[in-house]
PDB file of N, CA and C in Angstrom:
ATOM      1  N   MET A   1     110.947 153.678 140.181  1.00  0.00           N
ATOM      2  CA  MET A   1     110.315 153.249 138.954  1.00  0.00           C
ATOM      3  C   MET A   1     110.081 151.741 139.039  1.00  0.00           C
ATOM      4  N   LYS A   2     108.841 151.333 138.808  1.00  0.00           N
ATOM      5  CA  LYS A   2     108.504 149.913 138.841  1.00  0.00           C
ATOM      6  C   LYS A   2     108.654 149.322 137.447  1.00  0.00           C
ATOM      7  N   THR A   3     109.057 148.059 137.412  1.00  0.00           N
ATOM      8  CA  THR A   3     109.257 147.355 136.153  1.00  0.00           C
ATOM      9  C   THR A   3     108.364 146.122 136.125  1.00  0.00           C
ATOM     10  N   PHE A   4     107.724 145.905 134.975  1.00  0.00           N
ATOM     11  CA  PHE A   4     106.801 144.797 134.796  1.00  0.00           C
ATOM     12  C   PHE A   4     107.212 143.990 133.573  1.00  0.00           C
ATOM     13  N   SER A   5     106.987 142.687 133.634  1.00  0.00           N
ATOM     14  CA  SER A   5     107.184 141.828 132.471  1.00  0.00           C
ATOM     15  C   SER A   5     105.879 141.788 131.691  1.00  0.00           C
ATOM     16  N   ILE A   6     105.996 141.696 130.371  1.00  0.00           N
ATOM     17  CA  ILE A   6     104.829 141.614 129.503  1.00  0.00           C
ATOM     18  C   ILE A   6     104.720 140.181 128.999  1.00  0.00           C
ATOM     19  N   LYS A   7     103.561 139.572 129.204  1.00  0.00           N
ATOM     20  CA  LYS A   7     103.328 138.212 128.735  1.00  0.00           C
ATOM     21  C   LYS A   7     103.372 138.202 127.213  1.00  0.00           C
ATOM     22  N   SER A   8     104.075 137.225 126.659  1.00  0.00           N
ATOM     23  CA  SER A   8     104.270 137.198 125.213  1.00  0.00           C
ATOM     24  C   SER A   8     104.507 135.777 124.741  1.00  0.00           C
ATOM     25  N   THR A   9     104.236 135.539 123.466  1.00  0.00           N
ATOM     26  CA  THR A   9     104.544 134.236 122.878  1.00  0.00           C
ATOM     27  C   THR A   9     105.981 134.192 122.380  1.00  0.00           C
ATOM     28  N   ASP A  10     106.613 135.372 122.279  1.00  0.00           N
ATOM     29  CA  ASP A  10     108.017 135.436 121.869  1.00  0.00           C
ATOM     30  C   ASP A  10     108.906 134.869 122.965  1.00  0.00           C
ATOM     31  N   ARG A  11     110.032 134.336 122.564  1.00  0.00           N
ATOM     32  CA  ARG A  11     111.007 133.866 123.549  1.00  0.00           C
ATOM     33  C   ARG A  11     111.816 135.021 124.111  1.00  0.00           C
ATOM     34  N   THR A  12     111.799 136.147 123.419  1.00  0.00           N
ATOM     35  CA  THR A  12     112.539 137.313 123.893  1.00  0.00           C
ATOM     36  C   THR A  12     111.673 138.097 124.865  1.00  0.00           C
ATOM     37  N   PRO A  13     112.231 138.530 125.983  1.00  0.00           N
ATOM     38  CA  PRO A  13     111.437 139.225 126.999  1.00  0.00           C
ATOM     39  C   PRO A  13     111.079 140.650 126.584  1.00  0.00           C
ATOM     40  N   SER A  14     109.917 141.088 127.034  1.00  0.00           N
ATOM     41  CA  SER A  14     109.492 142.472 126.862  1.00  0.00           C
ATOM     42  C   SER A  14     109.163 143.030 128.235  1.00  0.00           C
ATOM     43  N   MET A  15     109.446 144.320 128.411  1.00  0.00           N
ATOM     44  CA  MET A  15     109.247 144.941 129.717  1.00  0.00           C
ATOM     45  C   MET A  15     108.442 146.223 129.584  1.00  0.00           C
ATOM     46  N   LEU A  16     107.759 146.573 130.665  1.00  0.00           N
ATOM     47  CA  LEU A  16     107.042 147.830 130.770  1.00  0.00           C
ATOM     48  C   LEU A  16     107.542 148.520 132.028  1.00  0.00           C
ATOM     49  N   GLU A  17     107.970 149.762 131.905  1.00  0.00           N
ATOM     50  CA  GLU A  17     108.457 150.532 133.052  1.00  0.00           C
ATOM     51  C   GLU A  17     107.518 151.706 133.277  1.00  0.00           C
ATOM     52  N   LEU A  18     107.086 151.904 134.528  1.00  0.00           N
ATOM     53  CA  LEU A  18     106.279 153.078 134.854  1.00  0.00           C
ATOM     54  C   LEU A  18     107.217 154.267 134.974  1.00  0.00           C
ATOM     55  N   MET A  19     107.056 155.243 134.099  1.00  0.00           N
ATOM     56  CA  MET A  19     107.916 156.428 134.111  1.00  0.00           C
ATOM     57  C   MET A  19     107.356 157.488 135.056  1.00  0.00           C
ATOM     58  N   SER A  20     106.047 157.740 134.955  1.00  0.00           N
ATOM     59  CA  SER A  20     105.405 158.719 135.830  1.00  0.00           C
ATOM     60  C   SER A  20     103.909 158.451 135.876  1.00  0.00           C
ATOM     61  N   GLU A  21     103.300 158.919 136.952  1.00  0.00           N
ATOM     62  CA  GLU A  21     101.859 158.790 137.122  1.00  0.00           C
ATOM     63  C   GLU A  21     101.244 160.166 136.934  1.00  0.00           C
ATOM     64  N   ILE A  22     100.207 160.236 136.114  1.00  0.00           N
ATOM     65  CA  ILE A  22      99.493 161.489 135.923  1.00  0.00           C
ATOM     66  C   ILE A  22      98.021 161.245 136.239  1.00  0.00           C
ATOM     67  N   GLU A  23      97.221 162.272 136.139  1.00  0.00           N
ATOM     68  CA  GLU A  23      95.835 162.211 136.597  1.00  0.00           C
ATOM     69  C   GLU A  23      95.048 161.024 136.044  1.00  0.00           C
ATOM     70  N   ASP A  24      95.114 160.787 134.747  1.00  0.00           N
ATOM     71  CA  ASP A  24      94.287 159.758 134.116  1.00  0.00           C
ATOM     72  C   ASP A  24      94.981 158.419 133.926  1.00  0.00           C
ATOM     73  N   GLY A  25      96.261 158.319 134.267  1.00  0.00           N
ATOM     74  CA  GLY A  25      96.962 157.062 134.048  1.00  0.00           C
ATOM     75  C   GLY A  25      98.451 157.191 134.234  1.00  0.00           C
ATOM     76  N   TYR A  26      99.199 156.561 133.337  1.00  0.00           N
ATOM     77  CA  TYR A  26     100.644 156.471 133.485  1.00  0.00           C
ATOM     78  C   TYR A  26     101.348 156.747 132.160  1.00  0.00           C
ATOM     79  N   VAL A  27     102.537 157.299 132.258  1.00  0.00           N
ATOM     80  CA  VAL A  27     103.446 157.349 131.123  1.00  0.00           C
ATOM     81  C   VAL A  27     104.360 156.144 131.306  1.00  0.00           C
ATOM     82  N   VAL A  28     104.404 155.276 130.305  1.00  0.00           N
ATOM     83  CA  VAL A  28     105.168 154.037 130.413  1.00  0.00           C
ATOM     84  C   VAL A  28     106.189 153.946 129.294  1.00  0.00           C
ATOM     85  N   ARG A  29     107.260 153.234 129.568  1.00  0.00           N
ATOM     86  CA  ARG A  29     108.253 152.901 128.540  1.00  0.00           C
ATOM     87  C   ARG A  29     108.133 151.406 128.296  1.00  0.00           C
ATOM     88  N   ILE A  30     107.950 151.038 127.040  1.00  0.00           N
ATOM     89  CA  ILE A  30     107.846 149.636 126.654  1.00  0.00           C
ATOM     90  C   ILE A  30     109.121 149.263 125.906  1.00  0.00           C
ATOM     91  N   VAL A  31     109.787 148.216 126.383  1.00  0.00           N
ATOM     92  CA  VAL A  31     111.038 147.764 125.777  1.00  0.00           C
ATOM     93  C   VAL A  31     110.839 146.333 125.294  1.00  0.00           C
ATOM     94  N   ARG A  32     110.955 146.150 123.989  1.00  0.00           N
ATOM     95  CA  ARG A  32     110.866 144.818 123.386  1.00  0.00           C
ATOM     96  C   ARG A  32     112.266 144.445 122.904  1.00  0.00           C
ATOM     97  N   HIS A  33     112.823 143.415 123.481  1.00  0.00           N
ATOM     98  CA  HIS A  33     114.171 142.981 123.122  1.00  0.00           C
ATOM     99  C   HIS A  33     114.110 142.120 121.861  1.00  0.00           C
ATOM    100  N   ARG A  34     114.913 142.461 120.884  1.00  0.00           N
ATOM    101  CA  ARG A  34     115.027 141.709 119.634  1.00  0.00           C
ATOM    102  C   ARG A  34     116.429 141.108 119.571  1.00  0.00           C
ATOM    103  N   ASP A  35     116.705 140.323 118.565  1.00  0.00           N
ATOM    104  CA  ASP A  35     118.009 139.668 118.453  1.00  0.00           C
ATOM    105  C   ASP A  35     119.162 140.661 118.456  1.00  0.00           C
ATOM    106  N   ASP A  36     119.079 141.688 117.633  1.00  0.00           N
ATOM    107  CA  ASP A  36     120.198 142.621 117.493  1.00  0.00           C
ATOM    108  C   ASP A  36     119.900 144.035 117.965  1.00  0.00           C
ATOM    109  N   TRP A  37     118.717 144.282 118.494  1.00  0.00           N
ATOM    110  CA  TRP A  37     118.355 145.640 118.876  1.00  0.00           C
ATOM    111  C   TRP A  37     117.173 145.621 119.841  1.00  0.00           C
ATOM    112  N   ASP A  38     116.905 146.755 120.456  1.00  0.00           N
ATOM    113  CA  ASP A  38     115.759 146.925 121.342  1.00  0.00           C
ATOM    114  C   ASP A  38     114.785 147.909 120.711  1.00  0.00           C
ATOM    115  N   ASP A  39     113.509 147.568 120.739  1.00  0.00           N
ATOM    116  CA  ASP A  39     112.444 148.452 120.276  1.00  0.00           C
ATOM    117  C   ASP A  39     111.900 149.153 121.517  1.00  0.00           C
ATOM    118  N   VAL A  40     112.147 150.457 121.642  1.00  0.00           N
ATOM    119  CA  VAL A  40     111.760 151.212 122.832  1.00  0.00           C
ATOM    120  C   VAL A  40     110.750 152.276 122.437  1.00  0.00           C
ATOM    121  N   SER A  41     109.644 152.343 123.185  1.00  0.00           N
ATOM    122  CA  SER A  41     108.657 153.393 122.938  1.00  0.00           C
ATOM    123  C   SER A  41     108.119 153.897 124.269  1.00  0.00           C
ATOM    124  N   GLU A  42     107.753 155.160 124.305  1.00  0.00           N
ATOM    125  CA  GLU A  42     107.105 155.745 125.475  1.00  0.00           C
ATOM    126  C   GLU A  42     105.683 156.081 125.091  1.00  0.00           C
ATOM    127  N   GLU A  43     104.745 155.628 125.909  1.00  0.00           N
ATOM    128  CA  GLU A  43     103.323 155.743 125.608  1.00  0.00           C
ATOM    129  C   GLU A  43     102.560 156.186 126.850  1.00  0.00           C
ATOM    130  N   PHE A  44     101.333 156.681 126.629  1.00  0.00           N
ATOM    131  CA  PHE A  44     100.406 156.935 127.724  1.00  0.00           C
ATOM    132  C   PHE A  44      99.517 155.709 127.864  1.00  0.00           C
ATOM    133  N   MET A  45      99.303 155.261 129.098  1.00  0.00           N
ATOM    134  CA  MET A  45      98.433 154.118 129.367  1.00  0.00           C
ATOM    135  C   MET A  45      97.413 154.546 130.415  1.00  0.00           C
ATOM    136  N   THR A  46      96.134 154.373 130.106  1.00  0.00           N
ATOM    137  CA  THR A  46      95.115 154.757 131.075  1.00  0.00           C
ATOM    138  C   THR A  46      95.217 153.872 132.314  1.00  0.00           C
ATOM    139  N   ARG A  47      94.764 154.401 133.415  1.00  0.00           N
ATOM    140  CA  ARG A  47      94.771 153.646 134.672  1.00  0.00           C
ATOM    141  C   ARG A  47      93.911 152.378 134.521  1.00  0.00           C
ATOM    142  N   GLU A  48      92.770 152.510 133.849  1.00  0.00           N
ATOM    143  CA  GLU A  48      91.873 151.374 133.652  1.00  0.00           C
ATOM    144  C   GLU A  48      92.549 150.264 132.842  1.00  0.00           C
ATOM    145  N   LEU A  49      93.247 150.618 131.764  1.00  0.00           N
ATOM    146  CA  LEU A  49      93.949 149.616 130.955  1.00  0.00           C
ATOM    147  C   LEU A  49      95.061 148.954 131.763  1.00  0.00           C
ATOM    148  N   PHE A  50      95.823 149.749 132.525  1.00  0.00           N
ATOM    149  CA  PHE A  50      96.897 149.199 133.342  1.00  0.00           C
ATOM    150  C   PHE A  50      96.343 148.186 134.346  1.00  0.00           C
ATOM    151  N   GLU A  51      95.265 148.557 135.041  1.00  0.00           N
ATOM    152  CA  GLU A  51      94.671 147.665 136.041  1.00  0.00           C
ATOM    153  C   GLU A  51      94.114 146.396 135.397  1.00  0.00           C
ATOM    154  N   THR A  52      93.539 146.519 134.205  1.00  0.00           N
ATOM    155  CA  THR A  52      93.033 145.347 133.486  1.00  0.00           C
ATOM    156  C   THR A  52      94.179 144.409 133.113  1.00  0.00           C
ATOM    157  N   CYS A  53      95.283 144.962 132.628  1.00  0.00           N
ATOM    158  CA  CYS A  53      96.454 144.145 132.272  1.00  0.00           C
ATOM    159  C   CYS A  53      97.021 143.427 133.494  1.00  0.00           C
ATOM    160  N   MET A  54      97.041 144.096 134.635  1.00  0.00           N
ATOM    161  CA  MET A  54      97.524 143.460 135.870  1.00  0.00           C
ATOM    162  C   MET A  54      96.578 142.338 136.302  1.00  0.00           C
ATOM    163  N   ARG A  55      95.299 142.624 136.283  1.00  0.00           N
ATOM    164  CA  ARG A  55      94.296 141.660 136.743  1.00  0.00           C
ATOM    165  C   ARG A  55      94.283 140.396 135.875  1.00  0.00           C
ATOM    166  N   THR A  56      94.480 140.549 134.575  1.00  0.00           N
ATOM    167  CA  THR A  56      94.435 139.396 133.665  1.00  0.00           C
ATOM    168  C   THR A  56      95.774 138.674 133.540  1.00  0.00           C
ATOM    169  N   GLY A  57      96.832 139.248 134.120  1.00  0.00           N
ATOM    170  CA  GLY A  57      98.142 138.610 134.057  1.00  0.00           C
ATOM    171  C   GLY A  57      98.922 138.932 132.799  1.00  0.00           C
ATOM    172  N   TYR A  58      98.427 139.879 131.978  1.00  0.00           N
ATOM    173  CA  TYR A  58      99.166 140.262 130.771  1.00  0.00           C
ATOM    174  C   TYR A  58     100.481 140.940 131.137  1.00  0.00           C
ATOM    175  N   ILE A  59     100.468 141.715 132.236  1.00  0.00           N
ATOM    176  CA  ILE A  59     101.711 142.257 132.795  1.00  0.00           C
ATOM    177  C   ILE A  59     101.779 141.840 134.258  1.00  0.00           C
ATOM    178  N   TYR A  60     102.985 141.667 134.756  1.00  0.00           N
ATOM    179  CA  TYR A  60     103.170 141.316 136.163  1.00  0.00           C
ATOM    180  C   TYR A  60     104.475 141.927 136.645  1.00  0.00           C
ATOM    181  N   GLU A  61     104.451 142.374 137.905  1.00  0.00           N
ATOM    182  CA  GLU A  61     105.606 143.075 138.462  1.00  0.00           C
ATOM    183  C   GLU A  61     106.778 142.127 138.633  1.00  0.00           C
ATOM    184  N   GLN A  62     107.948 142.596 138.241  1.00  0.00           N
ATOM    185  CA  GLN A  62     109.166 141.811 138.422  1.00  0.00           C
ATOM    186  C   GLN A  62     109.602 141.926 139.875  1.00  0.00           C
ATOM    187  N   SER A  63     110.071 140.829 140.434  1.00  0.00           N
ATOM    188  CA  SER A  63     110.549 140.865 141.813  1.00  0.00           C
ATOM    189  C   SER A  63     111.907 141.536 141.866  1.00  0.00           C
ATOM    190  N   ALA A  64     112.158 142.195 142.985  1.00  0.00           N
ATOM    191  CA  ALA A  64     113.410 142.952 143.139  1.00  0.00           C
ATOM    192  C   ALA A  64     114.588 142.047 143.348  1.00  0.00           C
TER     193      ALA A  64
END
């Protein structure tokens, strides 16, 4: 599973994890860290949207 950082104006980090790849895109888990809790959601992301986010730097892969 690959993990990506999400560019944000917040000081708290947000992450996107690729859960699985399907025909039209990806199932992703988005984790937004808050002061006292984590906001976690699982969403479908089209391949085109994912590639656009990578190309523009909105998301970037975390180094191992």
